[in-house]
Protein backbone atom coordinates (compact mmCIF):
# COMPACT_ATOMS: atom_id res chain seq x y z
CA MET A 1 108.80 77.37 102.29
CA ARG A 2 112.37 78.28 103.29
CA THR A 3 113.41 74.62 102.94
CA TYR A 4 111.80 74.46 99.51
CA TYR A 5 113.74 77.46 98.24
CA GLN A 6 117.01 76.31 99.83
CA GLY A 7 116.51 73.09 97.90
CA ALA A 8 115.92 75.12 94.75
CA LEU A 9 119.13 76.99 95.53
CA GLY A 10 121.12 73.77 95.45
CA GLY A 11 121.46 73.53 99.24
CA LYS A 12 122.97 77.00 99.50
CA THR A 13 121.71 79.63 101.86
CA PRO A 14 119.96 82.58 100.21
CA ALA A 15 122.99 84.76 101.06
CA ASP A 16 125.38 82.35 99.31
CA ALA A 17 123.07 82.12 96.33
CA GLN A 18 122.82 85.93 96.16
CA THR A 19 126.62 86.23 96.26
CA ASN A 20 126.95 83.70 93.46
CA ALA A 21 124.17 85.41 91.48
CA GLN A 22 125.90 88.77 91.79
CA SER A 23 129.27 87.35 90.78
CA GLY A 24 127.73 85.43 87.90
CA THR A 25 129.00 82.08 89.18
CA SER A 26 126.87 79.19 90.24
CA ASP A 27 127.18 75.45 90.07
CA ALA A 28 123.54 74.90 90.97
CA THR A 29 121.20 73.25 88.51
CA TYR A 30 117.51 73.98 88.37
CA ASP A 31 114.62 71.87 87.24
CA TYR A 32 112.45 74.14 85.11
CA SER A 33 109.33 72.11 85.89
CA THR A 34 109.85 72.82 89.60
CA ILE A 35 110.18 76.55 89.03
CA LEU A 36 107.39 76.94 86.48
CA SER A 37 103.94 77.36 87.99
CA THR A 38 105.42 78.33 91.37
CA THR A 39 103.05 80.80 92.96
CA PHE A 40 103.70 83.55 95.47
CA ARG A 41 101.80 86.52 96.79
CA ARG A 42 102.55 90.16 96.13
CA ILE A 43 101.80 92.88 98.63
CA ASN A 44 102.18 96.60 98.22
CA ALA A 45 104.84 98.23 100.38
CA PHE A 46 102.36 100.88 101.50
CA ASP A 47 100.02 98.21 102.90
CA LYS A 48 102.51 97.55 105.71
CA TYR A 49 101.61 100.93 107.22
CA THR A 50 98.49 101.90 109.14
CA TRP A 51 97.37 105.28 110.40
CA ASP A 52 97.99 105.89 114.10
CA GLU A 53 95.25 108.26 115.23
CA THR A 54 96.97 108.96 118.56
CA TYR A 55 100.31 110.16 117.13
CA LYS A 56 99.01 111.25 113.71
CA VAL A 57 101.65 109.26 111.83
CA TRP A 58 101.81 106.15 109.69
CA THR A 59 103.05 103.15 111.66
CA ASP A 60 105.08 100.28 110.19
CA ARG A 61 103.31 97.02 110.97
CA SER A 62 105.83 94.72 109.26
CA SER A 63 106.93 93.25 112.61
CA ASP A 64 103.33 92.29 113.47
CA ALA A 65 103.24 88.64 112.36
CA ASP A 66 99.43 88.33 112.44
CA TYR A 67 98.97 91.54 110.45
CA MET A 68 101.56 90.48 107.87
CA LYS A 69 100.12 86.96 107.55
CA LYS A 70 96.69 88.40 106.74
CA LEU A 71 98.25 90.88 104.33
CA VAL A 72 100.11 88.11 102.49
CA ASP A 73 97.08 85.79 102.52
CA ASP A 74 95.06 88.59 100.89
CA GLY A 75 97.88 89.53 98.51
CA GLN A 76 97.72 89.19 94.76
CA GLU A 77 98.73 85.70 93.69
CA LEU A 78 101.38 85.63 90.98
CA THR A 79 102.57 82.59 89.06
CA ILE A 80 105.92 82.05 87.39
CA SER A 81 104.86 81.41 83.82
CA GLY A 82 108.12 81.41 81.95
CA ILE A 83 111.89 81.42 82.19
CA VAL A 84 114.01 83.60 79.97
CA LYS A 85 117.64 82.71 79.46
CA PRO A 86 120.21 84.58 77.36
CA ASN A 87 121.71 82.75 74.38
CA SER A 88 125.22 83.23 75.70
CA ASN A 89 127.08 84.03 78.89
CA LYS A 90 128.13 87.42 77.49
CA GLY A 91 125.29 89.18 79.25
CA GLY A 92 123.19 91.55 77.29
CA ALA A 93 119.92 93.26 78.11
CA LEU A 94 118.53 90.44 80.23
CA ARG A 95 118.86 90.77 83.98
CA GLN A 96 118.56 88.09 86.61
CA GLY A 97 115.51 88.06 88.80
CA ILE A 98 111.78 88.06 88.41
CA ALA A 99 110.31 90.18 85.64
CA TYR A 100 106.75 91.46 85.60
CA THR A 101 104.55 92.37 82.71
CA PRO A 102 104.16 96.06 81.92
CA ALA A 103 100.49 95.72 82.90
CA LEU A 104 101.44 94.57 86.42
CA THR A 105 104.00 97.36 86.71
CA TYR A 106 101.36 99.95 85.82
CA GLN A 107 98.89 98.31 88.22
CA ILE A 108 101.39 98.66 91.07
CA ILE A 109 102.02 102.31 90.19
CA GLU A 110 98.28 103.04 90.10
CA GLU A 111 97.68 101.27 93.42
CA ALA A 112 100.50 103.22 95.05
CA SER A 113 99.19 106.52 93.68
CA ALA A 114 95.72 105.79 95.08
CA SER A 115 96.98 104.64 98.51
CA PRO A 116 96.14 106.77 101.56
CA ILE A 117 99.77 107.07 102.66
CA VAL A 118 100.93 108.38 99.27
CA LYS A 119 97.98 110.78 99.10
CA ASP A 120 98.84 111.98 102.62
CA GLN A 121 102.50 112.55 101.69
CA ARG A 122 101.54 114.42 98.52
CA ALA A 123 99.13 116.61 100.49
CA LYS A 124 101.92 117.49 102.94
CA PRO A 125 105.11 117.59 100.84
CA ASP A 126 107.11 119.32 103.60
CA VAL A 127 106.20 116.78 106.31
CA ASP A 128 107.52 113.24 106.69
CA VAL A 129 104.32 111.25 107.22
CA PHE A 130 106.24 108.56 109.11
CA THR A 131 107.47 110.88 111.85
CA GLY A 132 105.13 113.88 111.65
CA LYS A 133 108.19 116.16 111.50
CA THR A 134 109.02 118.51 108.67
CA PHE A 135 111.94 117.53 106.47
CA THR A 136 113.74 120.64 107.73
CA GLU A 137 113.31 119.44 111.33
CA LEU A 138 114.62 116.01 110.37
CA ALA A 139 117.65 117.55 108.65
CA ASP A 140 118.32 119.76 111.69
CA ASP A 141 117.99 116.73 113.99
CA HIS A 142 120.47 114.85 111.83
CA LYS A 143 122.91 117.76 111.88
CA SER A 144 122.72 118.09 115.66
CA GLN A 145 123.23 114.35 116.15
CA SER A 146 126.18 114.20 113.81
CA SER A 147 127.85 117.34 115.15
CA GLY A 148 128.59 115.82 118.56
CA PHE A 149 132.25 115.32 117.64
CA ASP A 150 134.45 118.26 116.79
CA MET A 151 136.49 117.22 113.75
CA SER A 152 138.82 120.21 114.12
CA SER A 153 140.41 118.51 117.14
CA LEU A 154 141.93 115.97 114.76
CA PHE A 155 144.05 118.55 113.01
CA HIS A 156 146.76 120.81 114.34
CA SER A 157 146.96 124.15 112.71
CA ARG A 158 150.39 125.60 112.30
CA ARG A 159 150.86 129.30 112.09
CA ILE A 160 153.63 130.70 109.98
């Protein structure tokens, strides 16, 4: 798959292609017939997390290759069905990237709202469901970690 998309990127690495895309410059040419009808699978971000009964937190499973493979295999198949190109290089309202129908956008929102992890977070708005700590505890932890260096030692005060 990676080789296929590098070929579609004109032999560039994804990072080079992204740089060119952001700068608006690219000398790559694309064959529309190759791009059209390309399929890929969509997964919900929340599906990467499972409940850990031992620690009472949601655990990120994105580094579990077998879990992710099954998730992707079961993901919603999407097909590129059209390519929109602005009439000029002056920009306008069109943005680069993949656009989804409003119906798919609303579907994703509804699925997220109904997901166990989102319901859990809404039920406990003061607790980070990923760590089990309150947001106040997390902020205090951050303060204590970042206050290890005394910035006042960088400045000399002069008394008049």
